[in-house]
C-alpha atoms as a PDB file:
ATOM      1  CA  MET A   1      -6.088-172.535 -20.478  1.00  0.00           C
ATOM      2  CA  THR A   2      -3.264-170.050 -19.920  1.00  0.00           C
ATOM      3  CA  GLU A   3       0.249-170.500 -21.166  1.00  0.00           C
ATOM      4  CA  GLY A   4       2.148-172.933 -18.966  1.00  0.00           C
ATOM      5  CA  GLU A   5      -1.031-174.340 -17.459  1.00  0.00           C
ATOM      6  CA  GLY A   6      -1.275-178.075 -17.950  1.00  0.00           C
ATOM      7  CA  ARG A   7       2.412-178.340 -18.878  1.00  0.00           C
ATOM      8  CA  ARG A   8       4.199-181.042 -16.914  1.00  0.00           C
ATOM      9  CA  TYR A   9       7.915-181.490 -16.466  1.00  0.00           C
ATOM     10  CA  ASP A  10       9.507-184.850 -15.795  1.00  0.00           C
ATOM     11  CA  ALA A  11      12.807-183.424 -14.580  1.00  0.00           C
ATOM     12  CA  PHE A  12      13.932-180.241 -12.891  1.00  0.00           C
ATOM     13  CA  GLU A  13      16.537-179.684 -15.603  1.00  0.00           C
ATOM     14  CA  GLU A  14      13.846-179.722 -18.298  1.00  0.00           C
ATOM     15  CA  MET A  15      11.810-177.105 -16.413  1.00  0.00           C
ATOM     16  CA  TYR A  16      14.933-175.005 -15.826  1.00  0.00           C
ATOM     17  CA  GLU A  17      15.786-174.977 -19.537  1.00  0.00           C
ATOM     18  CA  LYS A  18      12.253-174.095 -20.655  1.00  0.00           C
ATOM     19  CA  GLU A  19      11.364-171.542 -17.963  1.00  0.00           C
ATOM     20  CA  TYR A  20      14.686-169.855 -17.185  1.00  0.00           C
ATOM     21  CA  ASP A  21      14.590-167.222 -19.936  1.00  0.00           C
ATOM     22  CA  GLY A  22      11.074-166.068 -19.056  1.00  0.00           C
ATOM     23  CA  ILE A  23      11.833-165.683 -15.348  1.00  0.00           C
ATOM     24  CA  ARG A  24      15.150-163.974 -16.128  1.00  0.00           C
ATOM     25  CA  ARG A  25      13.473-161.466 -18.469  1.00  0.00           C
ATOM     26  CA  TYR A  26      10.833-160.715 -15.839  1.00  0.00           C
ATOM     27  CA  MET A  27      13.498-160.086 -13.187  1.00  0.00           C
ATOM     28  CA  GLY A  28      15.440-157.906 -15.624  1.00  0.00           C
ATOM     29  CA  ARG A  29      12.356-155.774 -16.310  1.00  0.00           C
ATOM     30  CA  MET A  30      11.603-155.357 -12.625  1.00  0.00           C
ATOM     31  CA  ILE A  31      15.199-154.510 -11.608  1.00  0.00           C
ATOM     32  CA  LEU A  32      16.405-152.217 -14.360  1.00  0.00           C
ATOM     33  CA  ASN A  33      19.676-150.916 -12.966  1.00  0.00           C
ATOM     34  CA  ASP A  34      21.089-154.054 -11.364  1.00  0.00           C
ATOM     35  CA  GLN A  35      21.324-156.979 -13.755  1.00  0.00           C
ATOM     36  CA  GLY A  36      23.513-158.874 -11.278  1.00  0.00           C
ATOM     37  CA  ALA A  37      20.732-158.746  -8.692  1.00  0.00           C
ATOM     38  CA  ALA A  38      18.230-159.830 -11.349  1.00  0.00           C
ATOM     39  CA  GLU A  39      20.404-162.851 -12.154  1.00  0.00           C
ATOM     40  CA  ASP A  40      20.821-163.689  -8.455  1.00  0.00           C
ATOM     41  CA  LEU A  41      17.090-163.502  -7.836  1.00  0.00           C
ATOM     42  CA  THR A  42      16.420-165.703 -10.853  1.00  0.00           C
ATOM     43  CA  GLN A  43      18.754-168.312  -9.411  1.00  0.00           C
ATOM     44  CA  GLU A  44      17.001-168.027  -6.035  1.00  0.00           C
ATOM     45  CA  VAL A  45      13.648-168.702  -7.718  1.00  0.00           C
ATOM     46  CA  PHE A  46      14.971-171.893  -9.259  1.00  0.00           C
ATOM     47  CA  PHE A  47      16.614-172.895  -5.988  1.00  0.00           C
ATOM     48  CA  VAL A  48      13.201-172.730  -4.308  1.00  0.00           C
ATOM     49  CA  ALA A  49      11.757-174.765  -7.190  1.00  0.00           C
ATOM     50  CA  TYR A  50      14.533-177.324  -6.735  1.00  0.00           C
ATOM     51  CA  GLN A  51      13.866-177.569  -3.006  1.00  0.00           C
ATOM     52  CA  LYS A  52      10.138-178.003  -3.633  1.00  0.00           C
ATOM     53  CA  TRP A  53      10.493-180.103  -6.756  1.00  0.00           C
ATOM     54  CA  GLU A  54       7.843-182.673  -5.790  1.00  0.00           C
ATOM     55  CA  GLU A  55       5.312-179.890  -5.261  1.00  0.00           C
ATOM     56  CA  VAL A  56       6.305-178.134  -8.503  1.00  0.00           C
ATOM     57  CA  LYS A  57       6.218-181.368 -10.486  1.00  0.00           C
ATOM     58  CA  ALA A  58       2.614-181.991  -9.395  1.00  0.00           C
ATOM     59  CA  HIS A  59       1.557-178.347  -9.721  1.00  0.00           C
ATOM     60  CA  PRO A  60      -1.065-177.669 -12.441  1.00  0.00           C
ATOM     61  CA  ASN A  61       0.814-174.523 -13.567  1.00  0.00           C
ATOM     62  CA  PRO A  62       4.590-174.707 -12.956  1.00  0.00           C
ATOM     63  CA  SER A  63       5.156-171.407 -14.794  1.00  0.00           C
ATOM     64  CA  GLY A  64       2.672-169.694 -12.507  1.00  0.00           C
ATOM     65  CA  PHE A  65       4.361-171.224  -9.473  1.00  0.00           C
ATOM     66  CA  LEU A  66       7.719-169.863 -10.608  1.00  0.00           C
ATOM     67  CA  MET A  67       6.248-166.396 -11.250  1.00  0.00           C
ATOM     68  CA  LYS A  68       4.675-166.346  -7.791  1.00  0.00           C
ATOM     69  CA  VAL A  69       8.030-167.235  -6.230  1.00  0.00           C
ATOM     70  CA  ALA A  70       9.700-164.574  -8.414  1.00  0.00           C
ATOM     71  CA  LYS A  71       7.244-161.903  -7.229  1.00  0.00           C
ATOM     72  CA  ASN A  72       7.856-162.860  -3.605  1.00  0.00           C
ATOM     73  CA  LYS A  73      11.627-162.768  -4.101  1.00  0.00           C
ATOM     74  CA  LEU A  74      11.337-159.320  -5.706  1.00  0.00           C
ATOM     75  CA  LYS A  75       9.183-158.061  -2.866  1.00  0.00           C
ATOM     76  CA  LYS A  76      11.750-159.197  -0.298  1.00  0.00           C
ATOM     77  CA  TRP A  77      14.604-157.753  -2.352  1.00  0.00           C
ATOM     78  CA  TYR A  78      12.888-154.369  -2.576  1.00  0.00           C
ATOM     79  CA  GLU A  79      12.265-154.419   1.185  1.00  0.00           C
ATOM     80  CA  LYS A  80      15.951-155.090   1.814  1.00  0.00           C
ATOM     81  CA  GLN A  81      16.843-152.214  -0.500  1.00  0.00           C
ATOM     82  CA  HIS A  82      14.419-149.957   1.403  1.00  0.00           C
ATOM     83  CA  ARG A  83      12.531-149.370  -1.794  1.00  0.00           C
ATOM     84  CA  LEU A  84       8.903-149.768  -2.673  1.00  0.00           C
ATOM     85  CA  CYS A  85       7.846-152.198  -5.363  1.00  0.00           C
ATOM     86  CA  VAL A  86       5.029-150.325  -7.076  1.00  0.00           C
ATOM     87  CA  ASP A  87       3.516-153.543  -8.324  1.00  0.00           C
ATOM     88  CA  GLU A  88       2.671-154.747  -4.816  1.00  0.00           C
ATOM     89  CA  ALA A  89      -0.948-155.062  -3.802  1.00  0.00           C
ATOM     90  CA  ASP A  90      -0.255-153.472  -0.409  1.00  0.00           C
ATOM     91  CA  ALA A  91       1.650-150.469  -1.812  1.00  0.00           C
ATOM     92  CA  VAL A  92      -1.002-147.942  -0.792  1.00  0.00           C
ATOM     93  CA  GLU A  93      -0.904-149.027   2.844  1.00  0.00           C
ATOM     94  CA  ARG A  94       2.914-149.069   2.884  1.00  0.00           C
ATOM     95  CA  ILE A  95       3.118-145.547   1.502  1.00  0.00           C
ATOM     96  CA  ALA A  96       0.673-144.292   4.110  1.00  0.00           C
ATOM     97  CA  ARG A  97       2.621-146.026   6.902  1.00  0.00           C
ATOM     98  CA  SER A  98       5.954-144.703   5.662  1.00  0.00           C
ATOM     99  CA  ARG A  99       4.620-141.149   5.574  1.00  0.00           C
ATOM    100  CA  THR A 100       3.661-141.324   9.260  1.00  0.00           C
ATOM    101  CA  GLY A 101       6.645-143.391  10.386  1.00  0.00           C
ATOM    102  CA  LYS A 102       4.273-145.789  12.173  1.00  0.00           C
ATOM    103  CA  ARG A 103       4.039-149.524  11.690  1.00  0.00           C
ATOM    104  CA  GLU A 104       0.244-149.524  11.874  1.00  0.00           C
ATOM    105  CA  GLU A 105      -2.067-147.951   9.367  1.00  0.00           C
ATOM    106  CA  ASP A 106      -3.113-144.365  10.142  1.00  0.00           C
ATOM    107  CA  ALA A 107      -6.722-143.796   9.067  1.00  0.00           C
ATOM    108  CA  PHE A 108      -6.215-140.058   8.486  1.00  0.00           C
ATOM    109  CA  GLU A 109      -3.152-140.666   6.313  1.00  0.00           C
ATOM    110  CA  MET A 110      -5.071-143.295   4.325  1.00  0.00           C
ATOM    111  CA  VAL A 111      -7.923-140.827   3.703  1.00  0.00           C
ATOM    112  CA  ASP A 112      -5.392-138.201   2.632  1.00  0.00           C
ATOM    113  CA  PHE A 113      -3.630-140.656   0.351  1.00  0.00           C
ATOM    114  CA  TYR A 114      -6.870-141.960  -1.190  1.00  0.00           C
ATOM    115  CA  SER A 115      -8.094-138.415  -1.832  1.00  0.00           C
ATOM    116  CA  SER A 116      -4.862-137.582  -3.653  1.00  0.00           C
ATOM    117  CA  VAL A 117      -5.182-140.807  -5.666  1.00  0.00           C
ATOM    118  CA  GLU A 118      -8.764-139.812  -6.542  1.00  0.00           C
ATOM    119  CA  ASN A 119      -7.305-136.752  -8.255  1.00  0.00           C
ATOM    120  CA  ILE A 120      -5.481-139.135 -10.579  1.00  0.00           C
ATOM    121  CA  LEU A 121      -8.069-141.899 -10.993  1.00  0.00           C
ATOM    122  CA  SER A 122     -11.830-141.630 -11.176  1.00  0.00           C
ATOM    123  CA  GLY A 123     -13.880-142.937  -8.269  1.00  0.00           C
ATOM    124  CA  ARG A 124     -14.929-145.913 -10.387  1.00  0.00           C
ATOM    125  CA  GLU A 125     -11.332-146.763 -11.298  1.00  0.00           C
ATOM    126  CA  LEU A 126     -10.251-146.510  -7.663  1.00  0.00           C
ATOM    127  CA  ASN A 127     -13.132-148.750  -6.639  1.00  0.00           C
ATOM    128  CA  ILE A 128     -12.085-151.343  -9.242  1.00  0.00           C
ATOM    129  CA  LEU A 129      -8.498-151.351  -7.940  1.00  0.00           C
ATOM    130  CA  ARG A 130      -9.679-151.607  -4.329  1.00  0.00           C
ATOM    131  CA  CYS A 131     -11.987-154.541  -5.171  1.00  0.00           C
ATOM    132  CA  TYR A 132      -9.165-156.289  -7.004  1.00  0.00           C
ATOM    133  CA  TYR A 133      -6.276-155.682  -4.608  1.00  0.00           C
ATOM    134  CA  GLU A 134      -7.791-154.856  -1.244  1.00  0.00           C
ATOM    135  CA  TYR A 135     -10.949-156.971  -1.170  1.00  0.00           C
ATOM    136  CA  GLY A 136      -9.509-159.914  -3.111  1.00  0.00           C
ATOM    137  CA  TYR A 137     -11.990-160.229  -5.960  1.00  0.00           C
ATOM    138  CA  THR A 138     -10.601-162.199  -8.880  1.00  0.00           C
ATOM    139  CA  SER A 139     -10.209-160.733 -12.347  1.00  0.00           C
ATOM    140  CA  SER A 140     -12.854-163.128 -13.689  1.00  0.00           C
ATOM    141  CA  GLU A 141     -15.385-162.007 -11.047  1.00  0.00           C
ATOM    142  CA  LEU A 142     -14.792-158.322 -11.706  1.00  0.00           C
ATOM    143  CA  SER A 143     -14.695-158.662 -15.495  1.00  0.00           C
ATOM    144  CA  GLY A 144     -17.977-160.592 -15.371  1.00  0.00           C
ATOM    145  CA  SER A 145     -19.659-157.907 -13.289  1.00  0.00           C
ATOM    146  CA  MET A 146     -18.364-155.239 -15.682  1.00  0.00           C
ATOM    147  CA  GLY A 147     -19.476-157.182 -18.756  1.00  0.00           C
ATOM    148  CA  ILE A 148     -16.027-157.322 -20.353  1.00  0.00           C
ATOM    149  CA  SER A 149     -13.522-160.089 -21.042  1.00  0.00           C
ATOM    150  CA  GLU A 150     -10.948-160.995 -18.417  1.00  0.00           C
ATOM    151  CA  SER A 151      -8.055-159.941 -20.658  1.00  0.00           C
ATOM    152  CA  CYS A 152      -9.721-156.564 -21.248  1.00  0.00           C
ATOM    153  CA  PHE A 153     -10.108-156.153 -17.488  1.00  0.00           C
ATOM    154  CA  LYS A 154      -6.426-156.927 -16.908  1.00  0.00           C
ATOM    155  CA  VAL A 155      -5.427-154.364 -19.537  1.00  0.00           C
ATOM    156  CA  ARG A 156      -7.580-151.751 -17.796  1.00  0.00           C
ATOM    157  CA  VAL A 157      -5.954-152.524 -14.444  1.00  0.00           C
ATOM    158  CA  GLN A 158      -2.509-152.196 -16.042  1.00  0.00           C
ATOM    159  CA  ARG A 159      -3.490-148.825 -17.536  1.00  0.00           C
ATOM    160  CA  MET A 160      -4.748-147.571 -14.170  1.00  0.00           C
ATOM    161  CA  LYS A 161      -1.529-148.658 -12.495  1.00  0.00           C
ATOM    162  CA  GLN A 162       0.484-146.990 -15.263  1.00  0.00           C
ATOM    163  CA  LYS A 163      -1.475-143.775 -14.758  1.00  0.00           C
ATOM    164  CA  LEU A 164      -0.657-143.919 -11.022  1.00  0.00           C
ATOM    165  CA  ARG A 165       3.022-144.630 -11.700  1.00  0.00           C
ATOM    166  CA  GLN A 166       3.310-141.720 -14.141  1.00  0.00           C
ATOM    167  CA  SER A 167       1.706-139.251 -11.761  1.00  0.00           C
ATOM    168  CA  MET A 168       3.841-140.510  -8.863  1.00  0.00           C
ATOM    169  CA  THR A 169       6.916-139.987 -11.030  1.00  0.00           C
ATOM    170  CA  VAL A 170       5.827-136.433 -11.877  1.00  0.00           C
ATOM    171  CA  LEU A 171       5.000-135.771  -8.220  1.00  0.00           C
ATOM    172  CA  SER A 172       8.411-137.122  -7.145  1.00  0.00           C
ATOM    173  CA  PHE A 173      10.110-134.871  -9.702  1.00  0.00           C
ATOM    174  CA  TRP A 174       8.339-131.765  -8.372  1.00  0.00           C
ATOM    175  CA  ILE A 175       9.113-132.698  -4.767  1.00  0.00           C
ATOM    176  CA  ILE A 176      12.818-132.991  -5.654  1.00  0.00           C
ATOM    177  CA  VAL A 177      12.749-129.663  -7.507  1.00  0.00           C
ATOM    178  CA  PHE A 178      10.960-127.996  -4.579  1.00  0.00           C
ATOM    179  CA  TRP A 179      13.386-129.570  -2.067  1.00  0.00           C
ATOM    180  CA  ARG A 180      16.412-128.303  -4.002  1.00  0.00           C
ATOM    181  CA  THR A 181      15.026-124.779  -4.135  1.00  0.00           C
ATOM    182  CA  LEU A 182      14.693-124.772  -0.337  1.00  0.00           C
ATOM    183  CA  PHE A 183      18.240-125.866   0.296  1.00  0.00           C
END
């Protein structure tokens, strides 16, 4: 049983007091340079929970429900800011679409993008991420097929994502340096 699973709240105020700090810290980590926006989004999460209180009260994992709402709020916030939330499952497709300026997915751009990602991750690592995010396999299914614990699998996924983030940061730096030398 995960943390928060099986916990029941009798009143919205009780849930707010117990869960607020965790959701607020999560928002603060995801939006580093705008603590006001992080606070606003935290309040929006609890407003949704208040509106759907009967559903939340009966939910088997209220903390998980709040985190799901928080992730959705962040995704919408990043879209409004015209930024890309790297933690999104559909980030690869969005990057490929933004590079072509088209709303639909361009197969050639996807091949190009995947080949550049393969320079960062091994074919096996890329396949694991695709199974998890693109094909919808659960972490328990994938960890079972790999013969490792679910927590070990999640750590591996986090490390792969970190590796991608670091190389994207380095790539962005070199693009900026190259751009400045041109102009």
